[in-house]
């Protein structure tokens, strides 16, 4: 009787080890590719912030000649989008009420999660900026 029981349990350890390996690769993939995704998200946030600042710096020459500071919407959008292209991740920009808002989105390829069918992770960021002029002093 002991030989019949042994035959029915053959391969049980191999199946258990296979399940552990799949779980291990999944965990390693989450750590490695998840870390890469977080790093890429931070980079996307920095790109969006800097692009928004670049766009907010595009002030209207006609408004300056009239004595006030105003963002030139067309120039601001062009400057912000040119910055995102130069940074390597083309984005979109919108000007509304003197506020430049930039949206950057792209996909990050995975190194390990590709084994289980996840080829890329999506990363996006949105940032806004306004043009601030002059110096304000507090009451002394």
Protein backbone atom coordinates (compact mmCIF):
# COMPACT_ATOMS: atom_id res chain seq x y z
CA UNK A 1 0.00 0.00 0.00
CA UNK A 2 2.78 2.55 0.66
CA UNK A 3 3.90 2.43 -3.01
CA UNK A 4 0.41 3.35 -4.26
CA UNK A 5 0.36 6.41 -2.02
CA UNK A 6 3.80 7.52 -3.20
CA UNK A 7 2.73 7.31 -6.83
CA UNK A 8 -0.31 9.51 -6.22
CA UNK A 9 1.86 12.21 -4.60
CA UNK A 10 4.55 12.28 -7.29
CA UNK A 11 4.89 15.74 -8.76
CA UNK A 12 3.21 17.47 -5.85
CA UNK A 13 6.45 19.18 -4.85
CA UNK A 14 7.11 20.24 -8.45
CA UNK A 15 3.66 21.86 -8.68
CA UNK A 16 4.21 23.59 -5.34
CA UNK A 17 7.62 24.91 -6.44
CA UNK A 18 6.13 26.11 -9.73
CA UNK A 19 3.43 28.06 -7.87
CA UNK A 20 6.05 29.58 -5.57
CA UNK A 21 8.17 30.63 -8.56
CA UNK A 22 5.21 32.30 -10.27
CA UNK A 23 4.44 34.18 -7.06
CA UNK A 24 8.10 35.10 -6.61
CA UNK A 25 8.41 36.45 -10.18
CA UNK A 26 5.18 38.40 -9.70
CA UNK A 27 6.51 39.96 -6.51
CA UNK A 28 9.90 40.78 -8.04
CA UNK A 29 8.11 42.24 -11.07
CA UNK A 30 5.98 44.47 -8.86
CA UNK A 31 9.04 45.70 -7.00
CA UNK A 32 11.27 46.30 -10.05
CA UNK A 33 8.67 47.49 -12.55
CA UNK A 34 6.62 49.28 -9.91
CA UNK A 35 9.74 51.18 -8.84
CA UNK A 36 10.46 52.08 -12.46
CA UNK A 37 6.87 53.26 -12.82
CA UNK A 38 7.12 55.46 -9.72
CA UNK A 39 10.37 56.96 -10.97
CA UNK A 40 8.81 57.63 -14.39
CA UNK A 41 5.79 59.24 -12.73
CA UNK A 42 8.04 61.60 -10.79
CA UNK A 43 9.86 62.45 -14.01
CA UNK A 44 6.52 63.08 -15.76
CA UNK A 45 5.44 65.38 -12.92
CA UNK A 46 8.69 67.34 -13.18
CA UNK A 47 8.33 67.61 -16.96
CA UNK A 48 4.73 68.81 -16.68
CA UNK A 49 5.63 71.34 -13.98
CA UNK A 50 8.55 72.76 -15.94
CA UNK A 51 6.52 72.87 -19.16
CA UNK A 52 3.75 74.75 -17.35
CA UNK A 53 6.30 77.23 -15.99
CA UNK A 54 7.75 77.67 -19.46
CA UNK A 55 4.29 78.36 -20.86
CA UNK A 56 3.46 80.77 -18.04
CA UNK A 57 6.55 82.76 -18.97
CA UNK A 58 5.15 83.49 -22.43
CA UNK A 59 3.69 86.93 -21.75
CA UNK A 60 1.88 89.06 -24.29
CA UNK A 61 4.03 91.84 -25.74
CA UNK A 62 0.93 93.86 -26.67
CA UNK A 63 -0.33 93.65 -23.10
CA UNK A 64 3.07 94.78 -21.78
CA UNK A 65 2.98 97.79 -24.09
CA UNK A 66 -0.44 98.62 -22.69
CA UNK A 67 0.94 98.54 -19.16
CA UNK A 68 -0.25 95.23 -17.77
CA UNK A 69 1.03 91.65 -17.67
CA UNK A 70 -0.96 88.92 -19.37
CA UNK A 71 -0.10 85.49 -20.72
CA UNK A 72 -0.24 85.11 -24.49
CA UNK A 73 -2.35 81.91 -24.79
CA UNK A 74 -1.06 80.82 -28.22
CA UNK A 75 2.58 81.42 -27.31
CA UNK A 76 2.11 79.75 -23.92
CA UNK A 77 0.63 76.60 -25.45
CA UNK A 78 3.35 76.51 -28.11
CA UNK A 79 6.14 76.98 -25.54
CA UNK A 80 4.75 74.38 -23.13
CA UNK A 81 4.17 71.78 -25.84
CA UNK A 82 7.62 72.45 -27.34
CA UNK A 83 9.13 71.81 -23.91
CA UNK A 84 7.35 68.47 -23.57
CA UNK A 85 8.53 67.43 -27.04
CA UNK A 86 12.10 68.43 -26.19
CA UNK A 87 11.85 66.45 -22.94
CA UNK A 88 10.94 63.36 -24.96
CA UNK A 89 7.32 62.91 -23.94
CA UNK A 90 4.96 65.06 -26.03
CA UNK A 91 2.09 66.45 -24.00
CA UNK A 92 -0.78 68.87 -24.33
CA UNK A 93 -1.22 72.35 -22.88
CA UNK A 94 -4.24 74.56 -22.24
CA UNK A 95 -4.48 78.16 -21.07
CA UNK A 96 -7.54 79.19 -19.12
CA UNK A 97 -7.91 82.34 -17.05
CA UNK A 98 -4.18 83.04 -17.03
CA UNK A 99 -3.34 79.53 -15.83
CA UNK A 100 -1.26 77.21 -18.02
CA UNK A 101 -2.11 73.53 -17.49
CA UNK A 102 0.05 70.80 -19.02
CA UNK A 103 -0.77 67.10 -19.29
CA UNK A 104 2.01 64.59 -19.98
CA UNK A 105 1.28 60.88 -20.50
CA UNK A 106 3.32 57.96 -21.79
CA UNK A 107 3.93 54.24 -21.33
CA UNK A 108 6.89 52.74 -19.49
CA UNK A 109 8.03 49.32 -20.74
CA UNK A 110 8.27 46.61 -18.11
CA UNK A 111 11.32 44.46 -17.51
CA UNK A 112 9.89 41.57 -15.52
CA UNK A 113 6.10 41.85 -15.62
CA UNK A 114 6.31 41.17 -19.36
CA UNK A 115 6.74 37.52 -18.39
CA UNK A 116 3.12 37.45 -17.22
CA UNK A 117 1.81 39.56 -20.10
CA UNK A 118 2.07 43.12 -18.76
CA UNK A 119 4.13 44.85 -21.48
CA UNK A 120 3.94 48.42 -20.18
CA UNK A 121 2.65 50.61 -17.39
CA UNK A 122 0.89 53.92 -18.10
CA UNK A 123 2.28 57.06 -16.50
CA UNK A 124 0.67 60.51 -16.53
CA UNK A 125 0.96 63.85 -14.76
CA UNK A 126 -0.80 67.21 -14.81
CA UNK A 127 0.67 70.50 -13.62
CA UNK A 128 -0.41 74.13 -13.69
CA UNK A 129 1.42 77.44 -13.43
CA UNK A 130 0.63 81.13 -13.49
CA UNK A 131 2.84 84.10 -14.27
CA UNK A 132 3.64 86.05 -11.14
CA UNK A 133 5.14 89.50 -11.48
CA UNK A 134 6.34 92.12 -9.08
CA UNK A 135 7.53 91.91 -5.53
CA UNK A 136 5.17 92.14 -2.58
CA UNK A 137 6.47 93.21 0.81
CA UNK A 138 4.73 92.53 4.06
CA UNK A 139 3.94 95.25 6.59
CA UNK A 140 7.00 96.21 8.58
